[in-house]
PDB file of N, CA and C in Angstrom:
ATOM      1  N   UNK A   1     -66.832   1.702 -49.141  1.00  0.00           N
ATOM      2  CA  UNK A   1     -67.905   1.949 -50.095  1.00  0.00           C
ATOM      3  C   UNK A   1     -68.150   3.455 -50.178  1.00  0.00           C
ATOM      4  N   UNK A   2     -68.293   3.954 -51.364  1.00  0.00           N
ATOM      5  CA  UNK A   2     -68.569   5.385 -51.553  1.00  0.00           C
ATOM      6  C   UNK A   2     -69.954   5.716 -51.048  1.00  0.00           C
ATOM      7  N   UNK A   3     -70.118   6.959 -50.585  1.00  0.00           N
ATOM      8  CA  UNK A   3     -71.413   7.387 -50.062  1.00  0.00           C
ATOM      9  C   UNK A   3     -72.530   7.135 -51.068  1.00  0.00           C
ATOM     10  N   UNK A   4     -72.275   7.388 -52.370  1.00  0.00           N
ATOM     11  CA  UNK A   4     -73.325   7.197 -53.367  1.00  0.00           C
ATOM     12  C   UNK A   4     -73.703   5.725 -53.498  1.00  0.00           C
ATOM     13  N   UNK A   5     -72.806   4.809 -53.141  1.00  0.00           N
ATOM     14  CA  UNK A   5     -73.113   3.384 -53.205  1.00  0.00           C
ATOM     15  C   UNK A   5     -73.872   2.898 -51.974  1.00  0.00           C
ATOM     16  N   UNK A   6     -73.858   3.688 -50.916  1.00  0.00           N
ATOM     17  CA  UNK A   6     -74.512   3.289 -49.681  1.00  0.00           C
ATOM     18  C   UNK A   6     -76.005   3.595 -49.684  1.00  0.00           C
ATOM     19  N   UNK A   7     -76.468   4.425 -50.583  1.00  0.00           N
ATOM     20  CA  UNK A   7     -77.858   4.848 -50.557  1.00  0.00           C
ATOM     21  C   UNK A   7     -78.016   5.951 -49.527  1.00  0.00           C
ATOM     22  N   UNK A   8     -79.227   6.236 -49.205  1.00  0.00           N
ATOM     23  CA  UNK A   8     -79.512   7.303 -48.252  1.00  0.00           C
ATOM     24  C   UNK A   8     -80.091   6.687 -46.996  1.00  0.00           C
ATOM     25  N   UNK A   9     -79.317   6.668 -45.954  1.00  0.00           N
ATOM     26  CA  UNK A   9     -79.729   6.082 -44.675  1.00  0.00           C
ATOM     27  C   UNK A   9     -80.283   7.175 -43.771  1.00  0.00           C
ATOM     28  N   UNK A  10     -81.365   6.841 -43.086  1.00  0.00           N
ATOM     29  CA  UNK A  10     -81.963   7.759 -42.124  1.00  0.00           C
ATOM     30  C   UNK A  10     -81.042   7.869 -40.915  1.00  0.00           C
ATOM     31  N   UNK A  11     -80.693   9.096 -40.554  1.00  0.00           N
ATOM     32  CA  UNK A  11     -79.797   9.293 -39.412  1.00  0.00           C
ATOM     33  C   UNK A  11     -80.482   8.957 -38.090  1.00  0.00           C
ATOM     34  N   UNK A  12     -81.806   8.811 -38.091  1.00  0.00           N
ATOM     35  CA  UNK A  12     -82.538   8.511 -36.864  1.00  0.00           C
ATOM     36  C   UNK A  12     -82.728   7.006 -36.680  1.00  0.00           C
ATOM     37  N   UNK A  13     -83.320   6.351 -37.678  1.00  0.00           N
ATOM     38  CA  UNK A  13     -83.651   4.930 -37.522  1.00  0.00           C
ATOM     39  C   UNK A  13     -82.656   3.997 -38.201  1.00  0.00           C
ATOM     40  N   UNK A  14     -81.829   4.524 -39.102  1.00  0.00           N
ATOM     41  CA  UNK A  14     -80.814   3.726 -39.774  1.00  0.00           C
ATOM     42  C   UNK A  14     -81.297   2.974 -41.006  1.00  0.00           C
ATOM     43  N   UNK A  15     -82.591   2.998 -41.288  1.00  0.00           N
ATOM     44  CA  UNK A  15     -83.118   2.320 -42.473  1.00  0.00           C
ATOM     45  C   UNK A  15     -82.952   3.206 -43.699  1.00  0.00           C
ATOM     46  N   UNK A  16     -83.027   2.594 -44.871  1.00  0.00           N
ATOM     47  CA  UNK A  16     -82.918   3.364 -46.110  1.00  0.00           C
ATOM     48  C   UNK A  16     -84.114   4.281 -46.295  1.00  0.00           C
ATOM     49  N   UNK A  17     -83.845   5.492 -46.776  1.00  0.00           N
ATOM     50  CA  UNK A  17     -84.894   6.393 -47.247  1.00  0.00           C
ATOM     51  C   UNK A  17     -84.958   6.094 -48.743  1.00  0.00           C
ATOM     52  N   UNK A  18     -85.940   5.296 -49.118  1.00  0.00           N
ATOM     53  CA  UNK A  18     -85.936   4.706 -50.451  1.00  0.00           C
ATOM     54  C   UNK A  18     -86.442   5.608 -51.560  1.00  0.00           C
ATOM     55  N   UNK A  19     -87.336   6.536 -51.247  1.00  0.00           N
ATOM     56  CA  UNK A  19     -87.880   7.393 -52.297  1.00  0.00           C
ATOM     57  C   UNK A  19     -87.902   8.844 -51.847  1.00  0.00           C
ATOM     58  N   UNK A  20     -87.921   9.735 -52.815  1.00  0.00           N
ATOM     59  CA  UNK A  20     -87.982  11.162 -52.523  1.00  0.00           C
ATOM     60  C   UNK A  20     -89.254  11.494 -51.747  1.00  0.00           C
ATOM     61  N   UNK A  21     -90.315  10.735 -51.951  1.00  0.00           N
ATOM     62  CA  UNK A  21     -91.592  11.043 -51.311  1.00  0.00           C
ATOM     63  C   UNK A  21     -91.614  10.739 -49.819  1.00  0.00           C
ATOM     64  N   UNK A  22     -90.601  10.072 -49.305  1.00  0.00           N
ATOM     65  CA  UNK A  22     -90.521   9.827 -47.858  1.00  0.00           C
ATOM     66  C   UNK A  22     -89.346  10.548 -47.215  1.00  0.00           C
ATOM     67  N   UNK A  23     -88.771  11.500 -47.951  1.00  0.00           N
ATOM     68  CA  UNK A  23     -87.544  12.178 -47.539  1.00  0.00           C
ATOM     69  C   UNK A  23     -87.794  13.504 -46.826  1.00  0.00           C
ATOM     70  N   UNK A  24     -87.364  13.586 -45.598  1.00  0.00           N
ATOM     71  CA  UNK A  24     -87.388  14.841 -44.845  1.00  0.00           C
ATOM     72  C   UNK A  24     -86.465  15.870 -45.494  1.00  0.00           C
ATOM     73  N   UNK A  25     -85.304  15.443 -45.939  1.00  0.00           N
ATOM     74  CA  UNK A  25     -84.339  16.346 -46.563  1.00  0.00           C
ATOM     75  C   UNK A  25     -84.937  16.987 -47.812  1.00  0.00           C
ATOM     76  N   UNK A  26     -85.575  16.187 -48.647  1.00  0.00           N
ATOM     77  CA  UNK A  26     -86.147  16.744 -49.876  1.00  0.00           C
ATOM     78  C   UNK A  26     -87.384  17.585 -49.602  1.00  0.00           C
ATOM     79  N   UNK A  27     -88.144  17.268 -48.571  1.00  0.00           N
ATOM     80  CA  UNK A  27     -89.255  18.152 -48.212  1.00  0.00           C
ATOM     81  C   UNK A  27     -88.710  19.515 -47.802  1.00  0.00           C
ATOM     82  N   UNK A  28     -87.672  19.521 -46.976  1.00  0.00           N
ATOM     83  CA  UNK A  28     -87.075  20.791 -46.565  1.00  0.00           C
ATOM     84  C   UNK A  28     -86.478  21.544 -47.757  1.00  0.00           C
ATOM     85  N   UNK A  29     -85.949  20.815 -48.754  1.00  0.00           N
ATOM     86  CA  UNK A  29     -85.447  21.437 -49.979  1.00  0.00           C
ATOM     87  C   UNK A  29     -86.602  22.051 -50.773  1.00  0.00           C
ATOM     88  N   UNK A  30     -87.687  21.318 -50.924  1.00  0.00           N
ATOM     89  CA  UNK A  30     -88.874  21.815 -51.629  1.00  0.00           C
ATOM     90  C   UNK A  30     -89.398  23.083 -50.950  1.00  0.00           C
ATOM     91  N   UNK A  31     -89.333  23.118 -49.628  1.00  0.00           N
ATOM     92  CA  UNK A  31     -89.818  24.266 -48.860  1.00  0.00           C
ATOM     93  C   UNK A  31     -88.844  25.449 -48.890  1.00  0.00           C
ATOM     94  N   UNK A  32     -87.678  25.254 -49.462  1.00  0.00           N
ATOM     95  CA  UNK A  32     -86.700  26.334 -49.533  1.00  0.00           C
ATOM     96  C   UNK A  32     -85.839  26.460 -48.299  1.00  0.00           C
ATOM     97  N   UNK A  33     -85.846  25.453 -47.438  1.00  0.00           N
ATOM     98  CA  UNK A  33     -85.074  25.493 -46.194  1.00  0.00           C
ATOM     99  C   UNK A  33     -83.659  24.946 -46.354  1.00  0.00           C
ATOM    100  N   UNK A  34     -83.407  24.228 -47.436  1.00  0.00           N
ATOM    101  CA  UNK A  34     -82.098  23.636 -47.706  1.00  0.00           C
ATOM    102  C   UNK A  34     -81.635  24.127 -49.074  1.00  0.00           C
ATOM    103  N   UNK A  35     -80.478  24.765 -49.148  1.00  0.00           N
ATOM    104  CA  UNK A  35     -79.979  25.206 -50.453  1.00  0.00           C
ATOM    105  C   UNK A  35     -79.482  24.022 -51.286  1.00  0.00           C
ATOM    106  N   UNK A  36     -79.610  24.142 -52.583  1.00  0.00           N
ATOM    107  CA  UNK A  36     -79.206  23.080 -53.510  1.00  0.00           C
ATOM    108  C   UNK A  36     -77.785  22.598 -53.246  1.00  0.00           C
ATOM    109  N   UNK A  37     -76.875  23.532 -52.992  1.00  0.00           N
ATOM    110  CA  UNK A  37     -75.464  23.150 -52.828  1.00  0.00           C
ATOM    111  C   UNK A  37     -75.195  22.344 -51.561  1.00  0.00           C
ATOM    112  N   UNK A  38     -76.136  22.288 -50.634  1.00  0.00           N
ATOM    113  CA  UNK A  38     -75.960  21.478 -49.420  1.00  0.00           C
ATOM    114  C   UNK A  38     -76.745  20.177 -49.465  1.00  0.00           C
ATOM    115  N   UNK A  39     -77.555  19.992 -50.479  1.00  0.00           N
ATOM    116  CA  UNK A  39     -78.445  18.836 -50.543  1.00  0.00           C
ATOM    117  C   UNK A  39     -77.692  17.515 -50.418  1.00  0.00           C
ATOM    118  N   UNK A  40     -76.561  17.396 -51.035  1.00  0.00           N
ATOM    119  CA  UNK A  40     -75.798  16.139 -51.012  1.00  0.00           C
ATOM    120  C   UNK A  40     -74.943  15.990 -49.756  1.00  0.00           C
ATOM    121  N   UNK A  41     -74.881  17.028 -48.929  1.00  0.00           N
ATOM    122  CA  UNK A  41     -74.004  16.979 -47.755  1.00  0.00           C
ATOM    123  C   UNK A  41     -74.739  16.867 -46.433  1.00  0.00           C
ATOM    124  N   UNK A  42     -76.039  17.091 -46.440  1.00  0.00           N
ATOM    125  CA  UNK A  42     -76.796  17.064 -45.189  1.00  0.00           C
ATOM    126  C   UNK A  42     -77.342  15.667 -44.900  1.00  0.00           C
ATOM    127  N   UNK A  43     -77.544  15.341 -43.644  1.00  0.00           N
ATOM    128  CA  UNK A  43     -78.069  14.013 -43.304  1.00  0.00           C
ATOM    129  C   UNK A  43     -79.520  13.854 -43.755  1.00  0.00           C
ATOM    130  N   UNK A  44     -79.882  12.629 -44.003  1.00  0.00           N
ATOM    131  CA  UNK A  44     -81.221  12.278 -44.469  1.00  0.00           C
ATOM    132  C   UNK A  44     -82.029  11.685 -43.322  1.00  0.00           C
ATOM    133  N   UNK A  45     -83.339  11.846 -43.396  1.00  0.00           N
ATOM    134  CA  UNK A  45     -84.267  11.240 -42.432  1.00  0.00           C
ATOM    135  C   UNK A  45     -85.560  10.910 -43.171  1.00  0.00           C
ATOM    136  N   UNK A  46     -86.280   9.938 -42.637  1.00  0.00           N
ATOM    137  CA  UNK A  46     -87.649   9.728 -43.099  1.00  0.00           C
ATOM    138  C   UNK A  46     -88.497  10.874 -42.554  1.00  0.00           C
ATOM    139  N   UNK A  47     -89.569  11.201 -43.251  1.00  0.00           N
ATOM    140  CA  UNK A  47     -90.477  12.235 -42.748  1.00  0.00           C
ATOM    141  C   UNK A  47     -90.925  11.905 -41.326  1.00  0.00           C
ATOM    142  N   UNK A  48     -91.289  10.650 -41.095  1.00  0.00           N
ATOM    143  CA  UNK A  48     -91.785  10.243 -39.776  1.00  0.00           C
ATOM    144  C   UNK A  48     -90.711  10.326 -38.699  1.00  0.00           C
ATOM    145  N   UNK A  49     -89.466  10.330 -39.100  1.00  0.00           N
ATOM    146  CA  UNK A  49     -88.362  10.397 -38.137  1.00  0.00           C
ATOM    147  C   UNK A  49     -88.007  11.830 -37.749  1.00  0.00           C
ATOM    148  N   UNK A  50     -88.729  12.806 -38.291  1.00  0.00           N
ATOM    149  CA  UNK A  50     -88.560  14.203 -37.899  1.00  0.00           C
ATOM    150  C   UNK A  50     -89.928  14.756 -37.501  1.00  0.00           C
ATOM    151  N   UNK A  51     -90.421  14.378 -36.324  1.00  0.00           N
ATOM    152  CA  UNK A  51     -91.764  14.799 -35.920  1.00  0.00           C
ATOM    153  C   UNK A  51     -91.928  16.309 -35.794  1.00  0.00           C
ATOM    154  N   UNK A  52     -90.847  17.042 -35.546  1.00  0.00           N
ATOM    155  CA  UNK A  52     -90.966  18.498 -35.429  1.00  0.00           C
ATOM    156  C   UNK A  52     -91.469  19.118 -36.728  1.00  0.00           C
ATOM    157  N   UNK A  53     -91.137  18.526 -37.868  1.00  0.00           N
ATOM    158  CA  UNK A  53     -91.629  19.001 -39.157  1.00  0.00           C
ATOM    159  C   UNK A  53     -92.863  18.214 -39.595  1.00  0.00           C
ATOM    160  N   UNK A  54     -92.810  16.898 -39.473  1.00  0.00           N
ATOM    161  CA  UNK A  54     -93.887  16.033 -39.977  1.00  0.00           C
ATOM    162  C   UNK A  54     -95.230  16.297 -39.306  1.00  0.00           C
ATOM    163  N   UNK A  55     -95.233  16.803 -38.088  1.00  0.00           N
ATOM    164  CA  UNK A  55     -96.502  17.077 -37.406  1.00  0.00           C
ATOM    165  C   UNK A  55     -97.361  18.089 -38.160  1.00  0.00           C
ATOM    166  N   UNK A  56     -96.752  18.867 -39.051  1.00  0.00           N
ATOM    167  CA  UNK A  56     -97.475  19.890 -39.799  1.00  0.00           C
ATOM    168  C   UNK A  56     -98.033  19.389 -41.135  1.00  0.00           C
ATOM    169  N   UNK A  57     -97.745  18.138 -41.487  1.00  0.00           N
ATOM    170  CA  UNK A  57     -98.291  17.591 -42.727  1.00  0.00           C
ATOM    171  C   UNK A  57     -99.728  17.155 -42.462  1.00  0.00           C
ATOM    172  N   UNK A  58    -100.643  17.784 -43.166  1.00  0.00           N
ATOM    173  CA  UNK A  58    -102.060  17.442 -43.062  1.00  0.00           C
ATOM    174  C   UNK A  58    -102.497  17.019 -44.465  1.00  0.00           C
ATOM    175  N   UNK A  59    -102.566  15.723 -44.670  1.00  0.00           N
ATOM    176  CA  UNK A  59    -102.904  15.180 -45.977  1.00  0.00           C
ATOM    177  C   UNK A  59    -103.444  13.766 -45.762  1.00  0.00           C
ATOM    178  N   UNK A  60    -104.487  13.389 -46.493  1.00  0.00           N
ATOM    179  CA  UNK A  60    -105.063  12.057 -46.291  1.00  0.00           C
ATOM    180  C   UNK A  60    -104.098  10.914 -46.615  1.00  0.00           C
ATOM    181  N   UNK A  61    -103.041  11.183 -47.387  1.00  0.00           N
ATOM    182  CA  UNK A  61    -102.080  10.130 -47.723  1.00  0.00           C
ATOM    183  C   UNK A  61    -100.970   9.982 -46.684  1.00  0.00           C
ATOM    184  N   UNK A  62    -100.960  10.850 -45.687  1.00  0.00           N
ATOM    185  CA  UNK A  62     -99.881  10.843 -44.694  1.00  0.00           C
ATOM    186  C   UNK A  62    -100.445  10.543 -43.318  1.00  0.00           C
ATOM    187  N   UNK A  63     -99.911   9.499 -42.682  1.00  0.00           N
ATOM    188  CA  UNK A  63    -100.344   9.169 -41.328  1.00  0.00           C
ATOM    189  C   UNK A  63     -99.816  10.237 -40.365  1.00  0.00           C
ATOM    190  N   UNK A  64    -100.702  10.878 -39.608  1.00  0.00           N
ATOM    191  CA  UNK A  64    -100.270  11.957 -38.712  1.00  0.00           C
ATOM    192  C   UNK A  64     -99.153  11.522 -37.761  1.00  0.00           C
ATOM    193  N   UNK A  65     -98.259  12.456 -37.509  1.00  0.00           N
ATOM    194  CA  UNK A  65     -97.129  12.247 -36.613  1.00  0.00           C
ATOM    195  C   UNK A  65     -97.259  13.258 -35.482  1.00  0.00           C
ATOM    196  N   UNK A  66     -97.093  12.790 -34.265  1.00  0.00           N
ATOM    197  CA  UNK A  66     -97.156  13.687 -33.108  1.00  0.00           C
ATOM    198  C   UNK A  66     -95.738  14.032 -32.660  1.00  0.00           C
ATOM    199  N   UNK A  67     -95.566  15.257 -32.252  1.00  0.00           N
ATOM    200  CA  UNK A  67     -94.300  15.721 -31.701  1.00  0.00           C
ATOM    201  C   UNK A  67     -94.535  16.014 -30.221  1.00  0.00           C
ATOM    202  N   UNK A  68     -93.666  15.497 -29.379  1.00  0.00           N
ATOM    203  CA  UNK A  68     -93.795  15.722 -27.942  1.00  0.00           C
ATOM    204  C   UNK A  68     -92.931  16.901 -27.509  1.00  0.00           C
ATOM    205  N   UNK A  69     -93.259  17.458 -26.364  1.00  0.00           N
ATOM    206  CA  UNK A  69     -92.419  18.484 -25.774  1.00  0.00           C
ATOM    207  C   UNK A  69     -92.786  19.895 -26.175  1.00  0.00           C
ATOM    208  N   UNK A  70     -91.832  20.782 -25.996  1.00  0.00           N
ATOM    209  CA  UNK A  70     -92.066  22.210 -26.217  1.00  0.00           C
ATOM    210  C   UNK A  70     -92.395  22.564 -27.661  1.00  0.00           C
ATOM    211  N   UNK A  71     -91.958  21.742 -28.607  1.00  0.00           N
ATOM    212  CA  UNK A  71     -92.197  22.049 -30.017  1.00  0.00           C
ATOM    213  C   UNK A  71     -93.422  21.340 -30.577  1.00  0.00           C
ATOM    214  N   UNK A  72     -94.191  20.673 -29.718  1.00  0.00           N
ATOM    215  CA  UNK A  72     -95.444  20.058 -30.158  1.00  0.00           C
ATOM    216  C   UNK A  72     -96.385  21.160 -30.610  1.00  0.00           C
ATOM    217  N   UNK A  73     -97.070  20.929 -31.713  1.00  0.00           N
ATOM    218  CA  UNK A  73     -97.940  21.992 -32.221  1.00  0.00           C
ATOM    219  C   UNK A  73     -99.080  22.300 -31.264  1.00  0.00           C
ATOM    220  N   UNK A  74     -99.394  21.389 -30.380  1.00  0.00           N
ATOM    221  CA  UNK A  74    -100.424  21.654 -29.373  1.00  0.00           C
ATOM    222  C   UNK A  74     -99.969  22.694 -28.357  1.00  0.00           C
ATOM    223  N   UNK A  75     -98.665  22.936 -28.289  1.00  0.00           N
ATOM    224  CA  UNK A  75     -98.093  23.902 -27.353  1.00  0.00           C
ATOM    225  C   UNK A  75     -97.838  25.269 -28.002  1.00  0.00           C
ATOM    226  N   UNK A  76     -98.088  25.372 -29.295  1.00  0.00           N
ATOM    227  CA  UNK A  76     -97.720  26.575 -30.042  1.00  0.00           C
ATOM    228  C   UNK A  76     -98.942  27.419 -30.391  1.00  0.00           C
ATOM    229  N   UNK A  77     -98.680  28.634 -30.801  1.00  0.00           N
ATOM    230  CA  UNK A  77     -99.723  29.572 -31.191  1.00  0.00           C
ATOM    231  C   UNK A  77    -100.548  28.991 -32.349  1.00  0.00           C
ATOM    232  N   UNK A  78    -101.877  28.962 -32.229  1.00  0.00           N
ATOM    233  CA  UNK A  78    -102.732  28.376 -33.268  1.00  0.00           C
ATOM    234  C   UNK A  78    -102.569  29.028 -34.645  1.00  0.00           C
ATOM    235  N   UNK A  79    -102.297  30.324 -34.697  1.00  0.00           N
ATOM    236  CA  UNK A  79    -102.100  30.984 -35.989  1.00  0.00           C
ATOM    237  C   UNK A  79    -100.808  30.480 -36.646  1.00  0.00           C
ATOM    238  N   UNK A  80     -99.747  30.360 -35.850  1.00  0.00           N
ATOM    239  CA  UNK A  80     -98.493  29.813 -36.353  1.00  0.00           C
ATOM    240  C   UNK A  80     -98.702  28.387 -36.853  1.00  0.00           C
ATOM    241  N   UNK A  81     -99.412  27.575 -36.070  1.00  0.00           N
ATOM    242  CA  UNK A  81     -99.657  26.181 -36.434  1.00  0.00           C
ATOM    243  C   UNK A  81    -100.420  26.101 -37.757  1.00  0.00           C
ATOM    244  N   UNK A  82    -101.457  26.899 -37.914  1.00  0.00           N
ATOM    245  CA  UNK A  82    -102.245  26.882 -39.154  1.00  0.00           C
ATOM    246  C   UNK A  82    -101.385  27.287 -40.352  1.00  0.00           C
ATOM    247  N   UNK A  83    -100.525  28.278 -40.164  1.00  0.00           N
ATOM    248  CA  UNK A  83     -99.641  28.726 -41.245  1.00  0.00           C
ATOM    249  C   UNK A  83     -98.659  27.624 -41.620  1.00  0.00           C
ATOM    250  N   UNK A  84     -98.075  26.992 -40.620  1.00  0.00           N
ATOM    251  CA  UNK A  84     -97.130  25.902 -40.877  1.00  0.00           C
ATOM    252  C   UNK A  84     -97.824  24.702 -41.512  1.00  0.00           C
ATOM    253  N   UNK A  85     -99.010  24.371 -41.064  1.00  0.00           N
ATOM    254  CA  UNK A  85     -99.738  23.255 -41.670  1.00  0.00           C
ATOM    255  C   UNK A  85     -99.992  23.530 -43.150  1.00  0.00           C
ATOM    256  N   UNK A  86    -100.371  24.729 -43.485  1.00  0.00           N
ATOM    257  CA  UNK A  86    -100.627  25.083 -44.884  1.00  0.00           C
ATOM    258  C   UNK A  86     -99.328  25.008 -45.694  1.00  0.00           C
ATOM    259  N   UNK A  87     -98.257  25.587 -45.171  1.00  0.00           N
ATOM    260  CA  UNK A  87     -96.968  25.630 -45.870  1.00  0.00           C
ATOM    261  C   UNK A  87     -96.370  24.233 -46.052  1.00  0.00           C
ATOM    262  N   UNK A  88     -96.295  23.476 -44.968  1.00  0.00           N
ATOM    263  CA  UNK A  88     -95.648  22.164 -45.016  1.00  0.00           C
ATOM    264  C   UNK A  88     -96.509  21.163 -45.797  1.00  0.00           C
ATOM    265  N   UNK A  89     -97.808  21.239 -45.658  1.00  0.00           N
ATOM    266  CA  UNK A  89     -98.691  20.338 -46.417  1.00  0.00           C
ATOM    267  C   UNK A  89     -98.581  20.612 -47.914  1.00  0.00           C
ATOM    268  N   UNK A  90     -98.480  21.880 -48.305  1.00  0.00           N
ATOM    269  CA  UNK A  90     -98.284  22.234 -49.715  1.00  0.00           C
ATOM    270  C   UNK A  90     -96.955  21.664 -50.210  1.00  0.00           C
ATOM    271  N   UNK A  91     -95.921  21.768 -49.396  1.00  0.00           N
ATOM    272  CA  UNK A  91     -94.631  21.186 -49.759  1.00  0.00           C
ATOM    273  C   UNK A  91     -94.704  19.679 -49.878  1.00  0.00           C
ATOM    274  N   UNK A  92     -95.432  19.036 -48.986  1.00  0.00           N
ATOM    275  CA  UNK A  92     -95.588  17.583 -49.041  1.00  0.00           C
ATOM    276  C   UNK A  92     -96.306  17.169 -50.327  1.00  0.00           C
ATOM    277  N   UNK A  93     -97.350  17.898 -50.712  1.00  0.00           N
ATOM    278  CA  UNK A  93     -98.051  17.569 -51.958  1.00  0.00           C
ATOM    279  C   UNK A  93     -97.115  17.726 -53.163  1.00  0.00           C
ATOM    280  N   UNK A  94     -96.249  18.725 -53.130  1.00  0.00           N
ATOM    281  CA  UNK A  94     -95.252  18.891 -54.199  1.00  0.00           C
ATOM    282  C   UNK A  94     -94.293  17.703 -54.191  1.00  0.00           C
ATOM    283  N   UNK A  95     -93.857  17.296 -53.013  1.00  0.00           N
ATOM    284  CA  UNK A  95     -92.955  16.151 -52.880  1.00  0.00           C
ATOM    285  C   UNK A  95     -93.586  14.905 -53.501  1.00  0.00           C
ATOM    286  N   UNK A  96     -94.863  14.682 -53.240  1.00  0.00           N
ATOM    287  CA  UNK A  96     -95.562  13.530 -53.810  1.00  0.00           C
ATOM    288  C   UNK A  96     -95.634  13.599 -55.332  1.00  0.00           C
ATOM    289  N   UNK A  97     -95.731  14.805 -55.866  1.00  0.00           N
ATOM    290  CA  UNK A  97     -95.879  14.981 -57.313  1.00  0.00           C
ATOM    291  C   UNK A  97     -94.547  14.904 -58.062  1.00  0.00           C
ATOM    292  N   UNK A  98     -93.435  15.121 -57.392  1.00  0.00           N
ATOM    293  CA  UNK A  98     -92.129  15.206 -58.057  1.00  0.00           C
ATOM    294  C   UNK A  98     -91.857  14.032 -58.998  1.00  0.00           C
ATOM    295  N   UNK A  99     -92.129  12.791 -58.616  1.00  0.00           N
ATOM    296  CA  UNK A  99     -91.816  11.691 -59.540  1.00  0.00           C
ATOM    297  C   UNK A  99     -92.567  11.757 -60.873  1.00  0.00           C
ATOM    298  N   UNK A 100     -93.649  12.500 -60.949  1.00  0.00           N
ATOM    299  CA  UNK A 100     -94.438  12.565 -62.183  1.00  0.00           C
ATOM    300  C   UNK A 100     -94.282  13.888 -62.933  1.00  0.00           C
ATOM    301  N   UNK A 101     -93.545  14.837 -62.394  1.00  0.00           N
ATOM    302  CA  UNK A 101     -93.470  16.173 -62.989  1.00  0.00           C
ATOM    303  C   UNK A 101     -92.374  16.346 -64.040  1.00  0.00           C
ATOM    304  N   UNK A 102     -91.401  15.458 -64.061  1.00  0.00           N
ATOM    305  CA  UNK A 102     -90.320  15.577 -65.026  1.00  0.00           C
ATOM    306  C   UNK A 102     -89.411  16.768 -64.783  1.00  0.00           C
ATOM    307  N   UNK A 103     -89.233  17.133 -63.532  1.00  0.00           N
ATOM    308  CA  UNK A 103     -88.409  18.283 -63.163  1.00  0.00           C
ATOM    309  C   UNK A 103     -86.964  17.880 -62.925  1.00  0.00           C
ATOM    310  N   UNK A 104     -86.066  18.839 -63.088  1.00  0.00           N
ATOM    311  CA  UNK A 104     -84.698  18.643 -62.637  1.00  0.00           C
ATOM    312  C   UNK A 104     -84.667  19.017 -61.156  1.00  0.00           C
ATOM    313  N   UNK A 105     -83.668  18.561 -60.436  1.00  0.00           N
ATOM    314  CA  UNK A 105     -83.594  18.817 -58.996  1.00  0.00           C
ATOM    315  C   UNK A 105     -83.668  20.312 -58.667  1.00  0.00           C
ATOM    316  N   UNK A 106     -82.987  21.198 -59.398  1.00  0.00           N
ATOM    317  CA  UNK A 106     -83.105  22.621 -59.061  1.00  0.00           C
ATOM    318  C   UNK A 106     -84.525  23.180 -59.211  1.00  0.00           C
ATOM    319  N   UNK A 107     -85.387  22.473 -59.922  1.00  0.00           N
ATOM    320  CA  UNK A 107     -86.765  22.926 -60.110  1.00  0.00           C
ATOM    321  C   UNK A 107     -87.729  22.397 -59.038  1.00  0.00           C
ATOM    322  N   UNK A 108     -87.256  21.573 -58.123  1.00  0.00           N
ATOM    323  CA  UNK A 108     -88.126  20.990 -57.095  1.00  0.00           C
ATOM    324  C   UNK A 108     -88.750  22.023 -56.151  1.00  0.00           C
ATOM    325  N   UNK A 109     -87.994  23.027 -55.680  1.00  0.00           N
ATOM    326  CA  UNK A 109     -88.575  23.941 -54.684  1.00  0.00           C
ATOM    327  C   UNK A 109     -89.808  24.680 -55.198  1.00  0.00           C
ATOM    328  N   UNK A 110     -90.711  24.925 -54.275  1.00  0.00           N
ATOM    329  CA  UNK A 110     -91.895  25.718 -54.571  1.00  0.00           C
ATOM    330  C   UNK A 110     -91.499  27.166 -54.763  1.00  0.00           C
ATOM    331  N   UNK A 111     -92.217  27.858 -55.609  1.00  0.00           N
ATOM    332  CA  UNK A 111     -92.053  29.302 -55.731  1.00  0.00           C
ATOM    333  C   UNK A 111     -92.677  29.938 -54.504  1.00  0.00           C
ATOM    334  N   UNK A 112     -92.148  31.069 -54.094  1.00  0.00           N
ATOM    335  CA  UNK A 112     -92.679  31.753 -52.930  1.00  0.00           C
ATOM    336  C   UNK A 112     -93.154  33.131 -53.352  1.00  0.00           C
ATOM    337  N   UNK A 113     -94.360  33.487 -52.905  1.00  0.00           N
ATOM    338  CA  UNK A 113     -94.927  34.803 -53.198  1.00  0.00           C
ATOM    339  C   UNK A 113     -94.452  35.794 -52.141  1.00  0.00           C
ATOM    340  N   UNK A 114     -94.658  37.084 -52.341  1.00  0.00           N
ATOM    341  CA  UNK A 114     -94.204  38.078 -51.350  1.00  0.00           C
ATOM    342  C   UNK A 114     -94.779  37.863 -49.951  1.00  0.00           C
ATOM    343  N   UNK A 115     -95.961  37.237 -49.843  1.00  0.00           N
ATOM    344  CA  UNK A 115     -96.523  37.004 -48.514  1.00  0.00           C
ATOM    345  C   UNK A 115     -95.987  35.734 -47.866  1.00  0.00           C
ATOM    346  N   UNK A 116     -95.034  35.077 -48.530  1.00  0.00           N
ATOM    347  CA  UNK A 116     -94.392  33.896 -47.954  1.00  0.00           C
ATOM    348  C   UNK A 116     -95.042  32.595 -48.335  1.00  0.00           C
ATOM    349  N   UNK A 117     -96.150  32.655 -49.089  1.00  0.00           N
ATOM    350  CA  UNK A 117     -96.830  31.429 -49.501  1.00  0.00           C
ATOM    351  C   UNK A 117     -96.392  31.026 -50.889  1.00  0.00           C
ATOM    352  N   UNK A 118     -96.401  29.740 -51.110  1.00  0.00           N
ATOM    353  CA  UNK A 118     -96.139  29.234 -52.466  1.00  0.00           C
ATOM    354  C   UNK A 118     -97.454  29.264 -53.229  1.00  0.00           C
ATOM    355  N   UNK A 119     -97.393  29.562 -54.517  1.00  0.00           N
ATOM    356  CA  UNK A 119     -98.630  29.614 -55.305  1.00  0.00           C
ATOM    357  C   UNK A 119     -99.279  28.257 -55.449  1.00  0.00           C
TER     358      UNK A 119
END
């Protein structure tokens, strides 16, 4: 079966990542961490299956995810944590909006201002 016929399976739990709004890969793309040309080649995960990133999503529609160990946000600098929460939560809100925006895939990423924040 061709990869496109298999759907997008989470490399962590093995279940289908059914929508863009639950995709760790697409959140990282929206955040500018994944280049367009690698989007189809990188492994997929559910947001909840990547706690190192998901722990920074602060939104009433997202059930909080805890990350254990050295990369837990409770172990990190509070200023860094606040910056990441703002950045990743903004990306998550964009991810939620994508199905209604009528964008092409190259238009998904947030714009970044000189201070590193998306408008």
